[in-house]
């Protein structure tokens, strides 16, 4: 795809990477701080310049229905198209200065994944949509080498990017941060409808999707909002789409908020299951994240933290009733 388009008669270009659709004059950068109009073309300033690089369990993304017990080479850059006050990676997401002394080509990034025994590459830590040209160049090579590609995203991709992703991206964990569009716009500097559109689009394009909601008491944990989110996932994405309900811990600009209580997560989990969701997991709390067969109740995957102590799936099916368990298992 073309990552930008010219705006006739305005001497500007429009960035097509996310739904801000920033219009930039020569020399200007977009809201994310890392995509620039340079000589009438879009230049991604962080291309080749990761600011975070680690080998993580894939469960940490969190992705529970993709290659359990494997690792993902995980990378991020500086910059973001949101301004979440609770961001846990704010040191890089809200940074705009690019360290150009670090350069890793797409080819070398794939080699690093293979050298470290990872079965996938995860574009994460900050918002990967803003470095999509870099991510895609890595991902196309990775796919050809038999690796999976994962986006951990706030879901503000443009429809153009979502459609383009289908050719190389295997899975995404998408944040559904709130059910209040005003909160999205005023506090996060994003938009709820855009995120819903991305989620629908990814599912339609055949990308494996898991959803995460960081529950912050008093902000996004009302029964009404939780019921609406659960119904949206169940009715519009599918009852098989995993929902990760994660506990908030004070960080960045929200140091005054309390840790999310386990009871709050359990209340949300109950609401999710009442809506018909088949796979609901609790995160950032010391409880099991086990996967059970929705039909017969058999324990299929026993998770303690990020460790798999038991995996009884047989070719992606329940060993007892043979139901196919949705996910990416090979």
C-alpha atoms as a PDB file:
ATOM      1  CA  UNK A   1       0.000   0.000   0.000  1.00  0.00           C
ATOM      2  CA  UNK A   2       0.958   3.645  -0.255  1.00  0.00           C
ATOM      3  CA  UNK A   3       1.490   4.993   3.258  1.00  0.00           C
ATOM      4  CA  UNK A   4       0.477   8.535   2.340  1.00  0.00           C
ATOM      5  CA  UNK A   5      -1.282  10.495  -0.336  1.00  0.00           C
ATOM      6  CA  UNK A   6      -0.782  13.954  -1.740  1.00  0.00           C
ATOM      7  CA  UNK A   7      -3.372  16.624  -1.026  1.00  0.00           C
ATOM      8  CA  UNK A   8      -3.802  18.659  -4.227  1.00  0.00           C
ATOM      9  CA  UNK A   9      -3.513  22.435  -4.003  1.00  0.00           C
ATOM     10  CA  UNK A  10      -2.442  22.315  -0.341  1.00  0.00           C
ATOM     11  CA  UNK A  11       1.225  21.320  -0.648  1.00  0.00           C
ATOM     12  CA  UNK A  12       0.586  18.746   2.065  1.00  0.00           C
ATOM     13  CA  UNK A  13       0.568  14.995   2.375  1.00  0.00           C
ATOM     14  CA  UNK A  14      -1.894  12.895   4.376  1.00  0.00           C
ATOM     15  CA  UNK A  15      -0.486  10.029   6.427  1.00  0.00           C
ATOM     16  CA  UNK A  16      -2.570   6.857   6.008  1.00  0.00           C
ATOM     17  CA  UNK A  17      -1.111   4.818   8.866  1.00  0.00           C
ATOM     18  CA  UNK A  18      -3.746   5.598  11.488  1.00  0.00           C
ATOM     19  CA  UNK A  19      -7.115   7.231  11.810  1.00  0.00           C
ATOM     20  CA  UNK A  20      -5.697  10.599  12.801  1.00  0.00           C
ATOM     21  CA  UNK A  21      -4.968  10.980   9.073  1.00  0.00           C
ATOM     22  CA  UNK A  22      -2.464  13.744   9.849  1.00  0.00           C
ATOM     23  CA  UNK A  23      -2.028  16.362   7.135  1.00  0.00           C
ATOM     24  CA  UNK A  24       1.531  17.602   7.097  1.00  0.00           C
ATOM     25  CA  UNK A  25       3.286  20.411   5.319  1.00  0.00           C
ATOM     26  CA  UNK A  26       6.899  20.012   4.263  1.00  0.00           C
ATOM     27  CA  UNK A  27       9.023  19.343   7.362  1.00  0.00           C
ATOM     28  CA  UNK A  28       6.083  18.672   9.669  1.00  0.00           C
ATOM     29  CA  UNK A  29       5.633  15.538  11.767  1.00  0.00           C
ATOM     30  CA  UNK A  30       2.350  13.906  12.677  1.00  0.00           C
ATOM     31  CA  UNK A  31       0.712  13.470  16.080  1.00  0.00           C
ATOM     32  CA  UNK A  32       2.800  10.343  16.703  1.00  0.00           C
ATOM     33  CA  UNK A  33       5.963  12.417  16.438  1.00  0.00           C
ATOM     34  CA  UNK A  34       7.791   9.949  14.211  1.00  0.00           C
ATOM     35  CA  UNK A  35       6.242  10.215  10.743  1.00  0.00           C
ATOM     36  CA  UNK A  36       7.329  13.242   8.751  1.00  0.00           C
ATOM     37  CA  UNK A  37       6.692  14.985   5.454  1.00  0.00           C
ATOM     38  CA  UNK A  38      10.146  15.008   3.947  1.00  0.00           C
ATOM     39  CA  UNK A  39      10.478  16.217   0.367  1.00  0.00           C
ATOM     40  CA  UNK A  40       6.797  15.561  -0.223  1.00  0.00           C
ATOM     41  CA  UNK A  41       6.975  11.945   0.940  1.00  0.00           C
ATOM     42  CA  UNK A  42       6.203  10.208   4.234  1.00  0.00           C
ATOM     43  CA  UNK A  43       9.345   9.306   6.135  1.00  0.00           C
ATOM     44  CA  UNK A  44       9.081   7.020   9.171  1.00  0.00           C
ATOM     45  CA  UNK A  45      11.839   8.431  11.384  1.00  0.00           C
ATOM     46  CA  UNK A  46      12.042   5.305  13.565  1.00  0.00           C
ATOM     47  CA  UNK A  47      12.533   2.919  10.625  1.00  0.00           C
ATOM     48  CA  UNK A  48      15.305   0.540  11.638  1.00  0.00           C
ATOM     49  CA  UNK A  49      15.709   2.158  15.057  1.00  0.00           C
ATOM     50  CA  UNK A  50      14.091   0.019  17.784  1.00  0.00           C
ATOM     51  CA  UNK A  51      14.238   1.380  21.319  1.00  0.00           C
ATOM     52  CA  UNK A  52      13.170  -1.857  23.003  1.00  0.00           C
ATOM     53  CA  UNK A  53      14.046  -5.413  22.017  1.00  0.00           C
ATOM     54  CA  UNK A  54      13.419  -8.533  24.098  1.00  0.00           C
ATOM     55  CA  UNK A  55      12.558 -12.204  23.852  1.00  0.00           C
ATOM     56  CA  UNK A  56       9.222 -12.685  25.656  1.00  0.00           C
ATOM     57  CA  UNK A  57       6.864 -15.582  26.240  1.00  0.00           C
ATOM     58  CA  UNK A  58       4.033 -15.170  23.746  1.00  0.00           C
ATOM     59  CA  UNK A  59       1.669 -15.389  26.720  1.00  0.00           C
ATOM     60  CA  UNK A  60       3.029 -12.020  27.900  1.00  0.00           C
ATOM     61  CA  UNK A  61       1.588 -10.160  24.873  1.00  0.00           C
ATOM     62  CA  UNK A  62      -0.952 -11.461  26.024  1.00  0.00           C
ATOM     63  CA  UNK A  63      -1.824 -14.080  23.421  1.00  0.00           C
ATOM     64  CA  UNK A  64      -3.173 -17.299  24.905  1.00  0.00           C
ATOM     65  CA  UNK A  65      -4.418 -18.948  21.718  1.00  0.00           C
ATOM     66  CA  UNK A  66      -1.258 -18.694  19.622  1.00  0.00           C
ATOM     67  CA  UNK A  67       1.607 -21.192  19.839  1.00  0.00           C
ATOM     68  CA  UNK A  68       1.558 -21.737  23.644  1.00  0.00           C
ATOM     69  CA  UNK A  69       4.944 -22.122  25.387  1.00  0.00           C
ATOM     70  CA  UNK A  70       6.824 -20.388  22.569  1.00  0.00           C
ATOM     71  CA  UNK A  71       8.644 -17.065  22.587  1.00  0.00           C
ATOM     72  CA  UNK A  72       8.240 -13.930  20.504  1.00  0.00           C
ATOM     73  CA  UNK A  73      11.080 -11.615  19.592  1.00  0.00           C
ATOM     74  CA  UNK A  74       9.447  -8.362  20.713  1.00  0.00           C
ATOM     75  CA  UNK A  75      10.337  -4.899  19.499  1.00  0.00           C
ATOM     76  CA  UNK A  76       9.141  -1.336  19.839  1.00  0.00           C
ATOM     77  CA  UNK A  77      10.292   2.160  18.954  1.00  0.00           C
ATOM     78  CA  UNK A  78       9.671   5.606  20.399  1.00  0.00           C
ATOM     79  CA  UNK A  79       6.450   7.462  19.672  1.00  0.00           C
ATOM     80  CA  UNK A  80       2.703   6.854  19.901  1.00  0.00           C
ATOM     81  CA  UNK A  81      -0.523   8.163  18.417  1.00  0.00           C
ATOM     82  CA  UNK A  82      -2.285   8.082  21.827  1.00  0.00           C
ATOM     83  CA  UNK A  83      -1.495   9.856  25.104  1.00  0.00           C
ATOM     84  CA  UNK A  84      -2.804   7.402  27.701  1.00  0.00           C
ATOM     85  CA  UNK A  85      -2.081   8.765  31.198  1.00  0.00           C
ATOM     86  CA  UNK A  86      -1.697   5.218  32.545  1.00  0.00           C
ATOM     87  CA  UNK A  87       0.795   4.014  29.916  1.00  0.00           C
ATOM     88  CA  UNK A  88       3.209   1.466  31.359  1.00  0.00           C
ATOM     89  CA  UNK A  89       5.771   2.118  28.627  1.00  0.00           C
ATOM     90  CA  UNK A  90       5.508   5.895  28.643  1.00  0.00           C
ATOM     91  CA  UNK A  91       9.284   6.331  28.683  1.00  0.00           C
ATOM     92  CA  UNK A  92       9.354   5.258  25.034  1.00  0.00           C
ATOM     93  CA  UNK A  93       5.788   5.862  23.864  1.00  0.00           C
ATOM     94  CA  UNK A  94       5.826   9.538  24.816  1.00  0.00           C
ATOM     95  CA  UNK A  95       9.424  10.058  23.683  1.00  0.00           C
ATOM     96  CA  UNK A  96      10.055  11.703  20.318  1.00  0.00           C
ATOM     97  CA  UNK A  97      13.858  11.664  20.131  1.00  0.00           C
ATOM     98  CA  UNK A  98      15.062   8.838  17.890  1.00  0.00           C
ATOM     99  CA  UNK A  99      18.338   7.125  18.759  1.00  0.00           C
ATOM    100  CA  UNK A 100      19.782   6.668  15.285  1.00  0.00           C
ATOM    101  CA  UNK A 101      22.915   5.026  16.663  1.00  0.00           C
ATOM    102  CA  UNK A 102      20.895   1.806  16.894  1.00  0.00           C
ATOM    103  CA  UNK A 103      20.062   0.299  13.505  1.00  0.00           C
ATOM    104  CA  UNK A 104      18.627  -3.146  12.866  1.00  0.00           C
ATOM    105  CA  UNK A 105      17.562  -3.945   9.329  1.00  0.00           C
ATOM    106  CA  UNK A 106      14.420  -5.993   8.686  1.00  0.00           C
ATOM    107  CA  UNK A 107      16.591  -8.893   7.520  1.00  0.00           C
ATOM    108  CA  UNK A 108      18.713  -8.783  10.672  1.00  0.00           C
ATOM    109  CA  UNK A 109      15.609  -8.601  12.907  1.00  0.00           C
ATOM    110  CA  UNK A 110      14.331 -11.859  11.426  1.00  0.00           C
ATOM    111  CA  UNK A 111      17.759 -13.434  11.885  1.00  0.00           C
ATOM    112  CA  UNK A 112      17.694 -12.400  15.556  1.00  0.00           C
ATOM    113  CA  UNK A 113      14.321 -14.080  16.023  1.00  0.00           C
ATOM    114  CA  UNK A 114      15.612 -17.311  14.493  1.00  0.00           C
ATOM    115  CA  UNK A 115      18.883 -17.169  16.439  1.00  0.00           C
ATOM    116  CA  UNK A 116      16.925 -16.811  19.688  1.00  0.00           C
ATOM    117  CA  UNK A 117      14.625 -19.718  18.905  1.00  0.00           C
ATOM    118  CA  UNK A 118      11.498 -17.568  18.675  1.00  0.00           C
ATOM    119  CA  UNK A 119       8.544 -18.757  16.620  1.00  0.00           C
ATOM    120  CA  UNK A 120       7.106 -15.285  16.180  1.00  0.00           C
ATOM    121  CA  UNK A 121       7.917 -11.588  16.055  1.00  0.00           C
ATOM    122  CA  UNK A 122       5.791  -9.183  18.104  1.00  0.00           C
ATOM    123  CA  UNK A 123       5.496  -5.495  17.299  1.00  0.00           C
ATOM    124  CA  UNK A 124       4.728  -4.083  20.720  1.00  0.00           C
ATOM    125  CA  UNK A 125       5.777  -1.877  23.685  1.00  0.00           C
ATOM    126  CA  UNK A 126       4.710   1.307  21.880  1.00  0.00           C
ATOM    127  CA  UNK A 127       2.048   1.579  19.154  1.00  0.00           C
ATOM    128  CA  UNK A 128       3.315  -0.447  16.182  1.00  0.00           C
ATOM    129  CA  UNK A 129       0.957   1.222  13.706  1.00  0.00           C
ATOM    130  CA  UNK A 130       3.223   4.265  13.711  1.00  0.00           C
ATOM    131  CA  UNK A 131       6.165   2.168  12.533  1.00  0.00           C
ATOM    132  CA  UNK A 132       4.086   0.037  10.183  1.00  0.00           C
ATOM    133  CA  UNK A 133       6.441   0.424   7.181  1.00  0.00           C
ATOM    134  CA  UNK A 134       9.278  -1.060   9.290  1.00  0.00           C
ATOM    135  CA  UNK A 135       7.056  -3.723  10.837  1.00  0.00           C
ATOM    136  CA  UNK A 136       5.707  -4.875   7.483  1.00  0.00           C
ATOM    137  CA  UNK A 137       9.171  -5.113   5.929  1.00  0.00           C
ATOM    138  CA  UNK A 138      10.242  -7.318   8.859  1.00  0.00           C
ATOM    139  CA  UNK A 139       7.001  -9.270   8.802  1.00  0.00           C
ATOM    140  CA  UNK A 140       7.058 -10.191   5.128  1.00  0.00           C
ATOM    141  CA  UNK A 141      10.537 -11.682   5.533  1.00  0.00           C
ATOM    142  CA  UNK A 142       9.529 -13.406   8.781  1.00  0.00           C
ATOM    143  CA  UNK A 143       6.482 -14.969   7.147  1.00  0.00           C
ATOM    144  CA  UNK A 144       8.611 -16.338   4.321  1.00  0.00           C
ATOM    145  CA  UNK A 145      10.864 -17.944   6.967  1.00  0.00           C
ATOM    146  CA  UNK A 146       7.893 -19.612   8.677  1.00  0.00           C
ATOM    147  CA  UNK A 147       7.588 -17.220  11.626  1.00  0.00           C
ATOM    148  CA  UNK A 148       4.312 -15.743  12.875  1.00  0.00           C
ATOM    149  CA  UNK A 149       3.749 -11.987  13.159  1.00  0.00           C
ATOM    150  CA  UNK A 150       1.919 -10.312  16.049  1.00  0.00           C
ATOM    151  CA  UNK A 151       0.662  -6.764  16.604  1.00  0.00           C
ATOM    152  CA  UNK A 152      -0.012  -5.504  20.135  1.00  0.00           C
ATOM    153  CA  UNK A 153      -2.010  -2.400  19.366  1.00  0.00           C
ATOM    154  CA  UNK A 154      -4.415   0.283  20.526  1.00  0.00           C
ATOM    155  CA  UNK A 155      -6.536  -0.460  17.475  1.00  0.00           C
ATOM    156  CA  UNK A 156      -6.386   2.986  15.854  1.00  0.00           C
ATOM    157  CA  UNK A 157      -5.123   1.650  12.515  1.00  0.00           C
ATOM    158  CA  UNK A 158      -6.566   3.079   9.348  1.00  0.00           C
ATOM    159  CA  UNK A 159      -8.837   0.720   7.350  1.00  0.00           C
ATOM    160  CA  UNK A 160      -6.201   0.866   4.625  1.00  0.00           C
ATOM    161  CA  UNK A 161      -3.590  -0.573   7.000  1.00  0.00           C
ATOM    162  CA  UNK A 162      -5.950  -3.248   8.355  1.00  0.00           C
ATOM    163  CA  UNK A 163      -6.645  -4.461   4.833  1.00  0.00           C
ATOM    164  CA  UNK A 164      -2.913  -4.442   4.045  1.00  0.00           C
ATOM    165  CA  UNK A 165      -2.118  -6.399   7.218  1.00  0.00           C
ATOM    166  CA  UNK A 166      -4.068  -9.411   6.034  1.00  0.00           C
ATOM    167  CA  UNK A 167      -1.246 -10.402   3.687  1.00  0.00           C
ATOM    168  CA  UNK A 168       1.360 -10.866   6.414  1.00  0.00           C
ATOM    169  CA  UNK A 169       0.005 -10.469   9.968  1.00  0.00           C
ATOM    170  CA  UNK A 170      -1.127 -13.583  11.843  1.00  0.00           C
ATOM    171  CA  UNK A 171      -2.479 -12.231  15.102  1.00  0.00           C
ATOM    172  CA  UNK A 172      -3.195  -9.105  17.106  1.00  0.00           C
ATOM    173  CA  UNK A 173      -3.959  -8.268  20.676  1.00  0.00           C
ATOM    174  CA  UNK A 174      -6.076  -5.131  20.545  1.00  0.00           C
ATOM    175  CA  UNK A 175      -6.766  -2.843  23.495  1.00  0.00           C
ATOM    176  CA  UNK A 176     -10.380  -1.957  24.109  1.00  0.00           C
ATOM    177  CA  UNK A 177      -9.618   0.689  26.690  1.00  0.00           C
ATOM    178  CA  UNK A 178     -13.092   2.047  27.426  1.00  0.00           C
ATOM    179  CA  UNK A 179     -16.672   2.098  26.160  1.00  0.00           C
ATOM    180  CA  UNK A 180     -16.854   5.894  26.466  1.00  0.00           C
ATOM    181  CA  UNK A 181     -16.031   7.725  23.245  1.00  0.00           C
ATOM    182  CA  UNK A 182     -15.613  11.019  25.124  1.00  0.00           C
ATOM    183  CA  UNK A 183     -13.007   9.364  27.372  1.00  0.00           C
ATOM    184  CA  UNK A 184     -11.192   8.037  24.329  1.00  0.00           C
ATOM    185  CA  UNK A 185     -11.111  11.458  22.698  1.00  0.00           C
ATOM    186  CA  UNK A 186     -10.460  13.684  25.700  1.00  0.00           C
ATOM    187  CA  UNK A 187      -8.137  11.526  27.807  1.00  0.00           C
ATOM    188  CA  UNK A 188      -6.530   9.047  25.421  1.00  0.00           C
ATOM    189  CA  UNK A 189      -6.572  11.251  22.292  1.00  0.00           C
ATOM    190  CA  UNK A 190      -8.072   8.476  20.184  1.00  0.00           C
ATOM    191  CA  UNK A 191     -11.574   7.300  19.335  1.00  0.00           C
ATOM    192  CA  UNK A 192     -13.798   4.366  20.270  1.00  0.00           C
ATOM    193  CA  UNK A 193     -15.507   3.993  16.899  1.00  0.00           C
ATOM    194  CA  UNK A 194     -12.131   3.702  15.164  1.00  0.00           C
ATOM    195  CA  UNK A 195     -11.096   0.886  17.518  1.00  0.00           C
ATOM    196  CA  UNK A 196     -14.369  -0.950  16.948  1.00  0.00           C
ATOM    197  CA  UNK A 197     -13.883  -0.569  13.201  1.00  0.00           C
ATOM    198  CA  UNK A 198     -10.361  -2.000  13.451  1.00  0.00           C
ATOM    199  CA  UNK A 199     -11.532  -4.972  15.494  1.00  0.00           C
ATOM    200  CA  UNK A 200     -14.309  -5.772  13.023  1.00  0.00           C
ATOM    201  CA  UNK A 201     -11.877  -5.320  10.132  1.00  0.00           C
ATOM    202  CA  UNK A 202      -9.193  -7.595  11.559  1.00  0.00           C
ATOM    203  CA  UNK A 203     -11.689 -10.374  12.236  1.00  0.00           C
ATOM    204  CA  UNK A 204     -13.109  -9.988   8.729  1.00  0.00           C
ATOM    205  CA  UNK A 205      -9.616 -10.190   7.209  1.00  0.00           C
ATOM    206  CA  UNK A 206      -8.901 -13.447   9.032  1.00  0.00           C
ATOM    207  CA  UNK A 207      -6.349 -12.104  11.506  1.00  0.00           C
ATOM    208  CA  UNK A 208      -6.505 -13.957  14.838  1.00  0.00           C
ATOM    209  CA  UNK A 209      -7.691 -11.397  17.418  1.00  0.00           C
ATOM    210  CA  UNK A 210      -7.565 -11.305  21.206  1.00  0.00           C
ATOM    211  CA  UNK A 211      -8.860  -8.286  23.125  1.00  0.00           C
ATOM    212  CA  UNK A 212      -7.410  -6.720  26.273  1.00  0.00           C
ATOM    213  CA  UNK A 213      -9.085  -4.275  28.643  1.00  0.00           C
ATOM    214  CA  UNK A 214      -7.016  -2.724  31.420  1.00  0.00           C
ATOM    215  CA  UNK A 215      -9.611  -2.229  34.140  1.00  0.00           C
ATOM    216  CA  UNK A 216      -9.211   0.991  36.101  1.00  0.00           C
ATOM    217  CA  UNK A 217     -11.683   1.332  38.943  1.00  0.00           C
ATOM    218  CA  UNK A 218     -13.927   4.363  38.553  1.00  0.00           C
ATOM    219  CA  UNK A 219     -12.833   4.913  34.946  1.00  0.00           C
ATOM    220  CA  UNK A 220     -14.021   2.006  32.809  1.00  0.00           C
ATOM    221  CA  UNK A 221     -15.346  -0.717  35.137  1.00  0.00           C
ATOM    222  CA  UNK A 222     -19.053   0.055  35.468  1.00  0.00           C
ATOM    223  CA  UNK A 223     -21.383  -2.893  34.950  1.00  0.00           C
ATOM    224  CA  UNK A 224     -23.073  -1.066  32.068  1.00  0.00           C
ATOM    225  CA  UNK A 225     -19.794  -0.489  30.223  1.00  0.00           C
ATOM    226  CA  UNK A 226     -18.558  -4.021  30.852  1.00  0.00           C
ATOM    227  CA  UNK A 227     -21.824  -5.490  29.574  1.00  0.00           C
ATOM    228  CA  UNK A 228     -21.630  -3.316  26.459  1.00  0.00           C
ATOM    229  CA  UNK A 229     -18.025  -4.334  25.773  1.00  0.00           C
ATOM    230  CA  UNK A 230     -18.764  -8.009  26.349  1.00  0.00           C
ATOM    231  CA  UNK A 231     -21.794  -7.877  24.062  1.00  0.00           C
ATOM    232  CA  UNK A 232     -19.794  -6.135  21.342  1.00  0.00           C
ATOM    233  CA  UNK A 233     -17.093  -8.812  21.440  1.00  0.00           C
ATOM    234  CA  UNK A 234     -19.580 -11.686  21.541  1.00  0.00           C
ATOM    235  CA  UNK A 235     -22.039 -10.377  18.959  1.00  0.00           C
ATOM    236  CA  UNK A 236     -19.779  -8.569  16.481  1.00  0.00           C
ATOM    237  CA  UNK A 237     -16.413 -10.318  16.768  1.00  0.00           C
ATOM    238  CA  UNK A 238     -17.366 -13.777  17.961  1.00  0.00           C
ATOM    239  CA  UNK A 239     -17.928 -15.610  21.251  1.00  0.00           C
ATOM    240  CA  UNK A 240     -14.645 -17.428  20.643  1.00  0.00           C
ATOM    241  CA  UNK A 241     -12.580 -14.207  20.769  1.00  0.00           C
ATOM    242  CA  UNK A 242     -10.525 -14.249  24.000  1.00  0.00           C
ATOM    243  CA  UNK A 243     -10.961 -11.272  26.339  1.00  0.00           C
ATOM    244  CA  UNK A 244      -8.099 -10.470  28.706  1.00  0.00           C
ATOM    245  CA  UNK A 245      -9.177  -8.440  31.742  1.00  0.00           C
ATOM    246  CA  UNK A 246      -6.042  -6.945  33.253  1.00  0.00           C
ATOM    247  CA  UNK A 247      -5.400  -5.255  36.565  1.00  0.00           C
ATOM    248  CA  UNK A 248      -4.156  -1.678  36.549  1.00  0.00           C
ATOM    249  CA  UNK A 249      -1.188  -0.607  38.625  1.00  0.00           C
ATOM    250  CA  UNK A 250      -0.355   3.065  39.262  1.00  0.00           C
ATOM    251  CA  UNK A 251       1.989   4.444  36.624  1.00  0.00           C
ATOM    252  CA  UNK A 252       2.947   7.553  34.655  1.00  0.00           C
ATOM    253  CA  UNK A 253       0.293  10.243  35.285  1.00  0.00           C
ATOM    254  CA  UNK A 254      -2.066   8.032  37.300  1.00  0.00           C
ATOM    255  CA  UNK A 255      -0.016   7.421  40.410  1.00  0.00           C
ATOM    256  CA  UNK A 256      -2.945   8.442  42.592  1.00  0.00           C
ATOM    257  CA  UNK A 257      -5.229   5.627  41.436  1.00  0.00           C
ATOM    258  CA  UNK A 258      -5.479   2.350  43.325  1.00  0.00           C
ATOM    259  CA  UNK A 259      -4.500  -1.081  42.077  1.00  0.00           C
ATOM    260  CA  UNK A 260      -7.425  -2.917  40.522  1.00  0.00           C
ATOM    261  CA  UNK A 261      -8.932  -5.362  43.021  1.00  0.00           C
ATOM    262  CA  UNK A 262      -9.262  -9.027  42.149  1.00  0.00           C
ATOM    263  CA  UNK A 263     -12.984  -8.769  42.935  1.00  0.00           C
ATOM    264  CA  UNK A 264     -13.343  -6.145  40.207  1.00  0.00           C
ATOM    265  CA  UNK A 265     -11.745  -8.459  37.656  1.00  0.00           C
ATOM    266  CA  UNK A 266     -13.903 -11.374  38.793  1.00  0.00           C
ATOM    267  CA  UNK A 267     -17.042  -9.224  38.476  1.00  0.00           C
ATOM    268  CA  UNK A 268     -16.021  -8.336  34.931  1.00  0.00           C
ATOM    269  CA  UNK A 269     -15.264 -11.970  34.150  1.00  0.00           C
ATOM    270  CA  UNK A 270     -18.728 -12.995  35.343  1.00  0.00           C
ATOM    271  CA  UNK A 271     -20.338 -10.352  33.104  1.00  0.00           C
ATOM    272  CA  UNK A 272     -18.242 -11.544  30.154  1.00  0.00           C
ATOM    273  CA  UNK A 273     -19.285 -15.157  30.612  1.00  0.00           C
ATOM    274  CA  UNK A 274     -22.939 -14.169  30.989  1.00  0.00           C
ATOM    275  CA  UNK A 275     -22.605 -12.481  27.581  1.00  0.00           C
ATOM    276  CA  UNK A 276     -21.528 -15.825  26.158  1.00  0.00           C
ATOM    277  CA  UNK A 277     -17.783 -15.273  25.822  1.00  0.00           C
ATOM    278  CA  UNK A 278     -16.021 -18.619  25.852  1.00  0.00           C
ATOM    279  CA  UNK A 279     -12.473 -17.599  26.798  1.00  0.00           C
ATOM    280  CA  UNK A 280     -12.056 -14.937  29.484  1.00  0.00           C
ATOM    281  CA  UNK A 281      -8.710 -14.480  31.200  1.00  0.00           C
ATOM    282  CA  UNK A 282      -7.524 -12.363  34.137  1.00  0.00           C
ATOM    283  CA  UNK A 283      -4.151 -10.628  33.903  1.00  0.00           C
ATOM    284  CA  UNK A 284      -1.662  -8.935  36.243  1.00  0.00           C
ATOM    285  CA  UNK A 285      -3.049 -10.928  39.177  1.00  0.00           C
ATOM    286  CA  UNK A 286      -1.823 -14.201  40.736  1.00  0.00           C
ATOM    287  CA  UNK A 287      -4.494 -16.519  39.325  1.00  0.00           C
ATOM    288  CA  UNK A 288      -4.403 -19.280  36.739  1.00  0.00           C
ATOM    289  CA  UNK A 289      -5.099 -18.364  33.125  1.00  0.00           C
ATOM    290  CA  UNK A 290      -6.369 -21.793  32.175  1.00  0.00           C
ATOM    291  CA  UNK A 291      -8.162 -22.659  28.948  1.00  0.00           C
ATOM    292  CA  UNK A 292     -11.156 -24.990  29.165  1.00  0.00           C
ATOM    293  CA  UNK A 293     -13.178 -26.614  26.418  1.00  0.00           C
ATOM    294  CA  UNK A 294     -16.367 -24.535  26.034  1.00  0.00           C
ATOM    295  CA  UNK A 295     -18.375 -27.662  25.211  1.00  0.00           C
ATOM    296  CA  UNK A 296     -17.347 -30.279  27.772  1.00  0.00           C
ATOM    297  CA  UNK A 297     -15.369 -28.254  30.327  1.00  0.00           C
ATOM    298  CA  UNK A 298     -12.145 -30.254  30.038  1.00  0.00           C
ATOM    299  CA  UNK A 299      -8.996 -28.452  31.166  1.00  0.00           C
ATOM    300  CA  UNK A 300      -6.964 -28.001  27.993  1.00  0.00           C
ATOM    301  CA  UNK A 301      -4.127 -25.624  28.888  1.00  0.00           C
ATOM    302  CA  UNK A 302      -2.916 -25.042  32.445  1.00  0.00           C
ATOM    303  CA  UNK A 303      -1.213 -21.650  32.761  1.00  0.00           C
ATOM    304  CA  UNK A 304       0.538 -20.345  35.842  1.00  0.00           C
ATOM    305  CA  UNK A 305       1.748 -16.848  35.114  1.00  0.00           C
ATOM    306  CA  UNK A 306       3.417 -17.059  31.715  1.00  0.00           C
ATOM    307  CA  UNK A 307       4.298 -20.737  32.137  1.00  0.00           C
ATOM    308  CA  UNK A 308       2.381 -23.617  30.580  1.00  0.00           C
ATOM    309  CA  UNK A 309       2.374 -26.599  32.933  1.00  0.00           C
ATOM    310  CA  UNK A 310      -0.050 -28.670  30.861  1.00  0.00           C
ATOM    311  CA  UNK A 311      -1.199 -28.563  27.231  1.00  0.00           C
ATOM    312  CA  UNK A 312      -3.621 -31.334  26.300  1.00  0.00           C
ATOM    313  CA  UNK A 313      -4.744 -30.009  22.926  1.00  0.00           C
ATOM    314  CA  UNK A 314      -4.585 -32.561  20.115  1.00  0.00           C
ATOM    315  CA  UNK A 315      -4.103 -30.823  16.771  1.00  0.00           C
ATOM    316  CA  UNK A 316      -6.041 -27.845  18.127  1.00  0.00           C
ATOM    317  CA  UNK A 317      -8.920 -30.009  19.372  1.00  0.00           C
ATOM    318  CA  UNK A 318     -10.263 -31.037  22.773  1.00  0.00           C
ATOM    319  CA  UNK A 319      -8.981 -34.554  23.526  1.00  0.00           C
ATOM    320  CA  UNK A 320     -12.277 -35.545  25.161  1.00  0.00           C
ATOM    321  CA  UNK A 321     -15.056 -34.245  22.850  1.00  0.00           C
ATOM    322  CA  UNK A 322     -12.937 -33.346  19.793  1.00  0.00           C
ATOM    323  CA  UNK A 323     -14.283 -29.804  19.623  1.00  0.00           C
ATOM    324  CA  UNK A 324     -12.031 -27.539  17.595  1.00  0.00           C
ATOM    325  CA  UNK A 325     -10.526 -24.882  19.867  1.00  0.00           C
ATOM    326  CA  UNK A 326     -10.170 -21.553  18.096  1.00  0.00           C
ATOM    327  CA  UNK A 327      -6.641 -20.187  17.788  1.00  0.00           C
ATOM    328  CA  UNK A 328      -3.320 -20.518  15.968  1.00  0.00           C
ATOM    329  CA  UNK A 329      -1.793 -23.733  17.211  1.00  0.00           C
ATOM    330  CA  UNK A 330       0.863 -24.536  14.578  1.00  0.00           C
END
